[in-house]
Structures are given as structure tokens and as C-alpha cells.
PDB file of N, CA and C in Angstrom:
ATOM      1  N   UNK A   1       0.796  -0.977  -0.081  1.00  0.00           N
ATOM      2  CA  UNK A   1      -0.063  -0.361   0.010  1.00  0.00           C
ATOM      3  C   UNK A   1       0.893   1.623  -0.254  1.00  0.00           C
ATOM      4  N   UNK A   2       1.691   1.306   0.714  1.00  0.00           N
ATOM      5  CA  UNK A   2       2.842   2.321   0.669  1.00  0.00           C
ATOM      6  C   UNK A   2       3.430   2.622  -0.620  1.00  0.00           C
ATOM      7  N   UNK A   3       4.183   1.652  -1.472  1.00  0.00           N
ATOM      8  CA  UNK A   3       4.285   1.609  -2.584  1.00  0.00           C
ATOM      9  C   UNK A   3       3.449   2.420  -3.550  1.00  0.00           C
ATOM     10  N   UNK A   4       2.135   1.794  -3.643  1.00  0.00           N
ATOM     11  CA  UNK A   4       1.023   3.275  -4.201  1.00  0.00           C
ATOM     12  C   UNK A   4       0.799   4.719  -3.904  1.00  0.00           C
ATOM     13  N   UNK A   5       1.017   4.798  -2.670  1.00  0.00           N
ATOM     14  CA  UNK A   5       0.914   6.221  -2.292  1.00  0.00           C
ATOM     15  C   UNK A   5       2.345   6.873  -2.477  1.00  0.00           C
ATOM     16  N   UNK A   6       3.610   6.382  -2.534  1.00  0.00           N
ATOM     17  CA  UNK A   6       4.668   6.712  -2.871  1.00  0.00           C
ATOM     18  C   UNK A   6       4.641   6.797  -4.853  1.00  0.00           C
ATOM     19  N   UNK A   7       3.965   6.595  -5.260  1.00  0.00           N
ATOM     20  CA  UNK A   7       3.744   6.399  -6.419  1.00  0.00           C
ATOM     21  C   UNK A   7       2.773   7.711  -7.067  1.00  0.00           C
ATOM     22  N   UNK A   8       1.521   7.347  -6.294  1.00  0.00           N
ATOM     23  CA  UNK A   8       0.943   8.605  -6.533  1.00  0.00           C
ATOM     24  C   UNK A   8       1.340  10.184  -5.802  1.00  0.00           C
ATOM     25  N   UNK A   9       2.170  10.093  -5.266  1.00  0.00           N
ATOM     26  CA  UNK A   9       2.738  11.123  -4.897  1.00  0.00           C
ATOM     27  C   UNK A   9       3.807  11.391  -5.854  1.00  0.00           C
ATOM     28  N   UNK A  10       4.265  10.874  -6.361  1.00  0.00           N
ATOM     29  CA  UNK A  10       5.705  11.064  -7.603  1.00  0.00           C
ATOM     30  C   UNK A  10       4.652  11.750  -9.021  1.00  0.00           C
ATOM     31  N   UNK A  11       3.849  11.104  -9.161  1.00  0.00           N
ATOM     32  CA  UNK A  11       2.945  11.342  -9.970  1.00  0.00           C
ATOM     33  C   UNK A  11       2.019  12.393  -9.912  1.00  0.00           C
ATOM     34  N   UNK A  12       1.524  12.844  -9.004  1.00  0.00           N
ATOM     35  CA  UNK A  12       1.315  14.829  -8.602  1.00  0.00           C
ATOM     36  C   UNK A  12       2.527  15.360  -8.841  1.00  0.00           C
ATOM     37  N   UNK A  13       3.473  14.938  -8.079  1.00  0.00           N
ATOM     38  CA  UNK A  13       4.876  16.077  -8.173  1.00  0.00           C
ATOM     39  C   UNK A  13       5.392  16.000  -9.698  1.00  0.00           C
ATOM     40  N   UNK A  14       5.499  15.438 -10.386  1.00  0.00           N
ATOM     41  CA  UNK A  14       5.625  15.453 -11.702  1.00  0.00           C
ATOM     42  C   UNK A  14       4.778  15.941 -12.328  1.00  0.00           C
ATOM     43  N   UNK A  15       3.541  15.784 -12.397  1.00  0.00           N
ATOM     44  CA  UNK A  15       2.590  16.694 -13.306  1.00  0.00           C
ATOM     45  C   UNK A  15       2.734  18.381 -12.377  1.00  0.00           C
ATOM     46  N   UNK A  16       2.817  18.551 -11.116  1.00  0.00           N
ATOM     47  CA  UNK A  16       2.826  20.250 -10.875  1.00  0.00           C
ATOM     48  C   UNK A  16       3.951  20.352 -11.655  1.00  0.00           C
ATOM     49  N   UNK A  17       5.241  19.849 -11.936  1.00  0.00           N
ATOM     50  CA  UNK A  17       6.072  20.352 -11.864  1.00  0.00           C
ATOM     51  C   UNK A  17       6.113  20.914 -13.616  1.00  0.00           C
ATOM     52  N   UNK A  18       5.410  19.946 -14.383  1.00  0.00           N
ATOM     53  CA  UNK A  18       5.159  20.105 -15.824  1.00  0.00           C
ATOM     54  C   UNK A  18       4.083  21.243 -15.837  1.00  0.00           C
ATOM     55  N   UNK A  19       2.801  21.469 -15.261  1.00  0.00           N
ATOM     56  CA  UNK A  19       2.019  22.766 -15.007  1.00  0.00           C
ATOM     57  C   UNK A  19       2.817  23.958 -14.911  1.00  0.00           C
ATOM     58  N   UNK A  20       3.666  23.802 -13.725  1.00  0.00           N
ATOM     59  CA  UNK A  20       4.204  25.300 -13.540  1.00  0.00           C
ATOM     60  C   UNK A  20       5.090  25.610 -14.852  1.00  0.00           C
ATOM     61  N   UNK A  21       5.870  24.674 -15.278  1.00  0.00           N
ATOM     62  CA  UNK A  21       6.842  24.858 -16.636  1.00  0.00           C
ATOM     63  C   UNK A  21       5.800  25.654 -17.302  1.00  0.00           C
ATOM     64  N   UNK A  22       4.802  24.950 -17.587  1.00  0.00           N
ATOM     65  CA  UNK A  22       3.739  25.553 -18.699  1.00  0.00           C
ATOM     66  C   UNK A  22       3.463  26.795 -18.429  1.00  0.00           C
ATOM     67  N   UNK A  23       2.786  26.551 -16.878  1.00  0.00           N
ATOM     68  CA  UNK A  23       2.601  28.432 -16.512  1.00  0.00           C
ATOM     69  C   UNK A  23       3.630  29.325 -16.798  1.00  0.00           C
ATOM     70  N   UNK A  24       4.831  29.517 -16.716  1.00  0.00           N
ATOM     71  CA  UNK A  24       5.708  30.269 -16.928  1.00  0.00           C
ATOM     72  C   UNK A  24       6.184  29.747 -18.594  1.00  0.00           C
ATOM     73  N   UNK A  25       6.127  29.297 -19.293  1.00  0.00           N
ATOM     74  CA  UNK A  25       6.119  29.412 -20.718  1.00  0.00           C
ATOM     75  C   UNK A  25       4.934  29.896 -21.603  1.00  0.00           C
ATOM     76  N   UNK A  26       4.005  30.126 -20.651  1.00  0.00           N
ATOM     77  CA  UNK A  26       2.339  30.966 -21.440  1.00  0.00           C
ATOM     78  C   UNK A  26       2.879  32.351 -21.250  1.00  0.00           C
ATOM     79  N   UNK A  27       2.179  32.956 -22.655  1.00  0.00           N
ATOM     80  CA  UNK A  27       1.894  34.424 -22.481  1.00  0.00           C
ATOM     81  C   UNK A  27       0.901  35.111 -21.528  1.00  0.00           C
ATOM     82  N   UNK A  28       0.786  34.823 -20.243  1.00  0.00           N
ATOM     83  CA  UNK A  28      -0.139  35.286 -19.841  1.00  0.00           C
ATOM     84  C   UNK A  28       1.019  36.716 -18.538  1.00  0.00           C
ATOM     85  N   UNK A  29       0.668  37.585 -18.171  1.00  0.00           N
ATOM     86  CA  UNK A  29       0.894  38.252 -17.517  1.00  0.00           C
ATOM     87  C   UNK A  29       1.515  37.552 -16.267  1.00  0.00           C
ATOM     88  N   UNK A  30       2.903  38.355 -16.009  1.00  0.00           N
ATOM     89  CA  UNK A  30       3.691  37.786 -15.179  1.00  0.00           C
ATOM     90  C   UNK A  30       3.010  37.657 -13.381  1.00  0.00           C
ATOM     91  N   UNK A  31       2.168  38.412 -13.309  1.00  0.00           N
ATOM     92  CA  UNK A  31       1.265  38.623 -12.129  1.00  0.00           C
ATOM     93  C   UNK A  31       0.328  37.188 -12.078  1.00  0.00           C
ATOM     94  N   UNK A  32       0.525  37.180 -13.191  1.00  0.00           N
ATOM     95  CA  UNK A  32      -1.147  35.746 -13.472  1.00  0.00           C
ATOM     96  C   UNK A  32      -0.081  34.507 -13.391  1.00  0.00           C
ATOM     97  N   UNK A  33       1.048  34.648 -13.404  1.00  0.00           N
ATOM     98  CA  UNK A  33       1.708  33.433 -13.624  1.00  0.00           C
ATOM     99  C   UNK A  33       2.074  33.284 -12.052  1.00  0.00           C
ATOM    100  N   UNK A  34       2.366  33.849 -11.342  1.00  0.00           N
ATOM    101  CA  UNK A  34       2.513  33.897  -9.861  1.00  0.00           C
ATOM    102  C   UNK A  34       1.160  33.212  -9.032  1.00  0.00           C
ATOM    103  N   UNK A  35       0.607  33.951  -9.710  1.00  0.00           N
ATOM    104  CA  UNK A  35      -0.653  33.498  -9.101  1.00  0.00           C
ATOM    105  C   UNK A  35      -0.915  31.821  -9.666  1.00  0.00           C
ATOM    106  N   UNK A  36      -1.295  31.574 -10.343  1.00  0.00           N
ATOM    107  CA  UNK A  36      -1.432  30.106 -11.024  1.00  0.00           C
ATOM    108  C   UNK A  36      -0.168  29.663 -10.462  1.00  0.00           C
ATOM    109  N   UNK A  37       1.056  29.726  -9.988  1.00  0.00           N
ATOM    110  CA  UNK A  37       1.968  28.761  -9.721  1.00  0.00           C
ATOM    111  C   UNK A  37       1.473  28.660  -7.938  1.00  0.00           C
ATOM    112  N   UNK A  38       1.265  29.405  -7.364  1.00  0.00           N
ATOM    113  CA  UNK A  38       0.763  29.453  -6.282  1.00  0.00           C
ATOM    114  C   UNK A  38      -0.490  28.845  -5.956  1.00  0.00           C
ATOM    115  N   UNK A  39      -1.309  28.741  -6.918  1.00  0.00           N
ATOM    116  CA  UNK A  39      -2.304  27.946  -6.455  1.00  0.00           C
ATOM    117  C   UNK A  39      -1.964  26.187  -6.956  1.00  0.00           C
ATOM    118  N   UNK A  40      -1.365  25.695  -7.923  1.00  0.00           N
ATOM    119  CA  UNK A  40      -0.774  24.655  -8.160  1.00  0.00           C
ATOM    120  C   UNK A  40       0.359  24.385  -6.892  1.00  0.00           C
ATOM    121  N   UNK A  41       1.282  25.272  -6.383  1.00  0.00           N
ATOM    122  CA  UNK A  41       1.869  24.349  -5.368  1.00  0.00           C
ATOM    123  C   UNK A  41       1.153  24.577  -4.101  1.00  0.00           C
ATOM    124  N   UNK A  42       0.228  25.314  -3.560  1.00  0.00           N
ATOM    125  CA  UNK A  42      -0.360  25.420  -2.510  1.00  0.00           C
ATOM    126  C   UNK A  42      -1.703  24.161  -2.615  1.00  0.00           C
ATOM    127  N   UNK A  43      -2.429  24.316  -4.096  1.00  0.00           N
ATOM    128  CA  UNK A  43      -3.707  22.851  -3.709  1.00  0.00           C
ATOM    129  C   UNK A  43      -3.205  22.082  -4.958  1.00  0.00           C
ATOM    130  N   UNK A  44      -2.042  21.291  -4.362  1.00  0.00           N
ATOM    131  CA  UNK A  44      -1.424  20.598  -5.870  1.00  0.00           C
ATOM    132  C   UNK A  44      -2.250  19.731  -7.137  1.00  0.00           C
ATOM    133  N   UNK A  45      -2.980  19.226  -6.431  1.00  0.00           N
ATOM    134  CA  UNK A  45      -4.275  17.885  -7.096  1.00  0.00           C
ATOM    135  C   UNK A  45      -5.099  19.117  -8.078  1.00  0.00           C
ATOM    136  N   UNK A  46      -5.993  19.665  -6.718  1.00  0.00           N
ATOM    137  CA  UNK A  46      -7.044  20.996  -7.554  1.00  0.00           C
ATOM    138  C   UNK A  46      -6.447  22.077  -8.101  1.00  0.00           C
ATOM    139  N   UNK A  47      -4.823  22.808  -7.885  1.00  0.00           N
ATOM    140  CA  UNK A  47      -4.225  23.904  -8.297  1.00  0.00           C
ATOM    141  C   UNK A  47      -3.848  22.815 -10.008  1.00  0.00           C
ATOM    142  N   UNK A  48      -3.733  21.674 -10.025  1.00  0.00           N
ATOM    143  CA  UNK A  48      -3.423  21.005 -11.284  1.00  0.00           C
ATOM    144  C   UNK A  48      -4.359  20.804 -12.392  1.00  0.00           C
ATOM    145  N   UNK A  49      -5.535  20.494 -11.599  1.00  0.00           N
ATOM    146  CA  UNK A  49      -6.789  20.064 -12.510  1.00  0.00           C
ATOM    147  C   UNK A  49      -7.098  21.702 -12.850  1.00  0.00           C
ATOM    148  N   UNK A  50      -7.495  22.280 -11.772  1.00  0.00           N
ATOM    149  CA  UNK A  50      -7.701  24.091 -12.049  1.00  0.00           C
ATOM    150  C   UNK A  50      -6.816  24.670 -13.432  1.00  0.00           C
ATOM    151  N   UNK A  51      -5.502  24.162 -13.678  1.00  0.00           N
ATOM    152  CA  UNK A  51      -4.885  24.865 -14.995  1.00  0.00           C
ATOM    153  C   UNK A  51      -4.791  23.872 -15.858  1.00  0.00           C
ATOM    154  N   UNK A  52      -4.799  22.638 -15.808  1.00  0.00           N
ATOM    155  CA  UNK A  52      -4.924  21.877 -17.095  1.00  0.00           C
ATOM    156  C   UNK A  52      -6.711  22.289 -17.569  1.00  0.00           C
ATOM    157  N   UNK A  53      -7.745  22.261 -16.789  1.00  0.00           N
ATOM    158  CA  UNK A  53      -8.465  22.884 -17.476  1.00  0.00           C
ATOM    159  C   UNK A  53      -8.875  24.353 -18.255  1.00  0.00           C
ATOM    160  N   UNK A  54      -8.179  25.272 -17.348  1.00  0.00           N
ATOM    161  CA  UNK A  54      -8.231  26.355 -18.139  1.00  0.00           C
ATOM    162  C   UNK A  54      -7.012  26.556 -19.371  1.00  0.00           C
ATOM    163  N   UNK A  55      -6.334  26.014 -18.966  1.00  0.00           N
ATOM    164  CA  UNK A  55      -5.146  26.243 -20.128  1.00  0.00           C
ATOM    165  C   UNK A  55      -5.660  25.730 -21.859  1.00  0.00           C
ATOM    166  N   UNK A  56      -6.225  24.143 -21.227  1.00  0.00           N
ATOM    167  CA  UNK A  56      -6.746  23.518 -22.272  1.00  0.00           C
ATOM    168  C   UNK A  56      -7.802  23.986 -23.057  1.00  0.00           C
ATOM    169  N   UNK A  57      -8.794  24.419 -22.145  1.00  0.00           N
ATOM    170  CA  UNK A  57     -10.196  24.699 -22.419  1.00  0.00           C
ATOM    171  C   UNK A  57     -10.138  25.994 -23.185  1.00  0.00           C
ATOM    172  N   UNK A  58      -9.539  27.140 -22.430  1.00  0.00           N
ATOM    173  CA  UNK A  58      -9.506  28.373 -22.757  1.00  0.00           C
ATOM    174  C   UNK A  58      -8.107  29.065 -23.640  1.00  0.00           C
ATOM    175  N   UNK A  59      -7.308  28.176 -24.054  1.00  0.00           N
ATOM    176  CA  UNK A  59      -6.053  28.753 -23.981  1.00  0.00           C
ATOM    177  C   UNK A  59      -6.122  29.314 -25.578  1.00  0.00           C
ATOM    178  N   UNK A  60      -7.116  29.275 -26.429  1.00  0.00           N
ATOM    179  CA  UNK A  60      -7.271  29.885 -27.593  1.00  0.00           C
ATOM    180  C   UNK A  60      -7.071  31.305 -27.294  1.00  0.00           C
ATOM    181  N   UNK A  61      -8.402  31.128 -26.068  1.00  0.00           N
ATOM    182  CA  UNK A  61      -9.734  32.454 -26.039  1.00  0.00           C
ATOM    183  C   UNK A  61      -8.558  33.737 -25.170  1.00  0.00           C
ATOM    184  N   UNK A  62      -8.332  32.497 -23.675  1.00  0.00           N
ATOM    185  CA  UNK A  62      -7.871  33.934 -23.021  1.00  0.00           C
ATOM    186  C   UNK A  62      -6.279  34.203 -22.940  1.00  0.00           C
ATOM    187  N   UNK A  63      -5.499  33.275 -23.351  1.00  0.00           N
ATOM    188  CA  UNK A  63      -4.118  33.202 -22.956  1.00  0.00           C
ATOM    189  C   UNK A  63      -3.234  33.484 -24.348  1.00  0.00           C
TER     190      UNK A  63
END
């Protein structure tokens, strides 16, 4: 059971790092980049889902 927890934690960590890299490579303002980065770091799973939904669905319209 501990192996599954460690694997899940590693997957979430890698996904958060990918999200943060995508945030800083996007064309949004620096202030929004900081806010999105904080959301992803402080709320790892929820922030990650929020970013991927916002970046995927609204990327062509908002960013």
C-alpha cells in the first residue's frame, strides 16, 4: 500500500512541475503566472486540475 502512495505522490509531483513549466512558458502576465503557480503549489491536485482545464479549454481565447 505504501508503494502506491509513493507512486501517486511522485505522479502528482511530476504533473505539478509540468504545470508550473507550462505556466511560465505561457504568454500571460507575470502577476497571473505567480498566482497560478501559487495555486498549483498550495493546492497540488485541485490547482493542477484547475490549470489544465483553464489552459486546455480557454487557451486560445484567454492566453
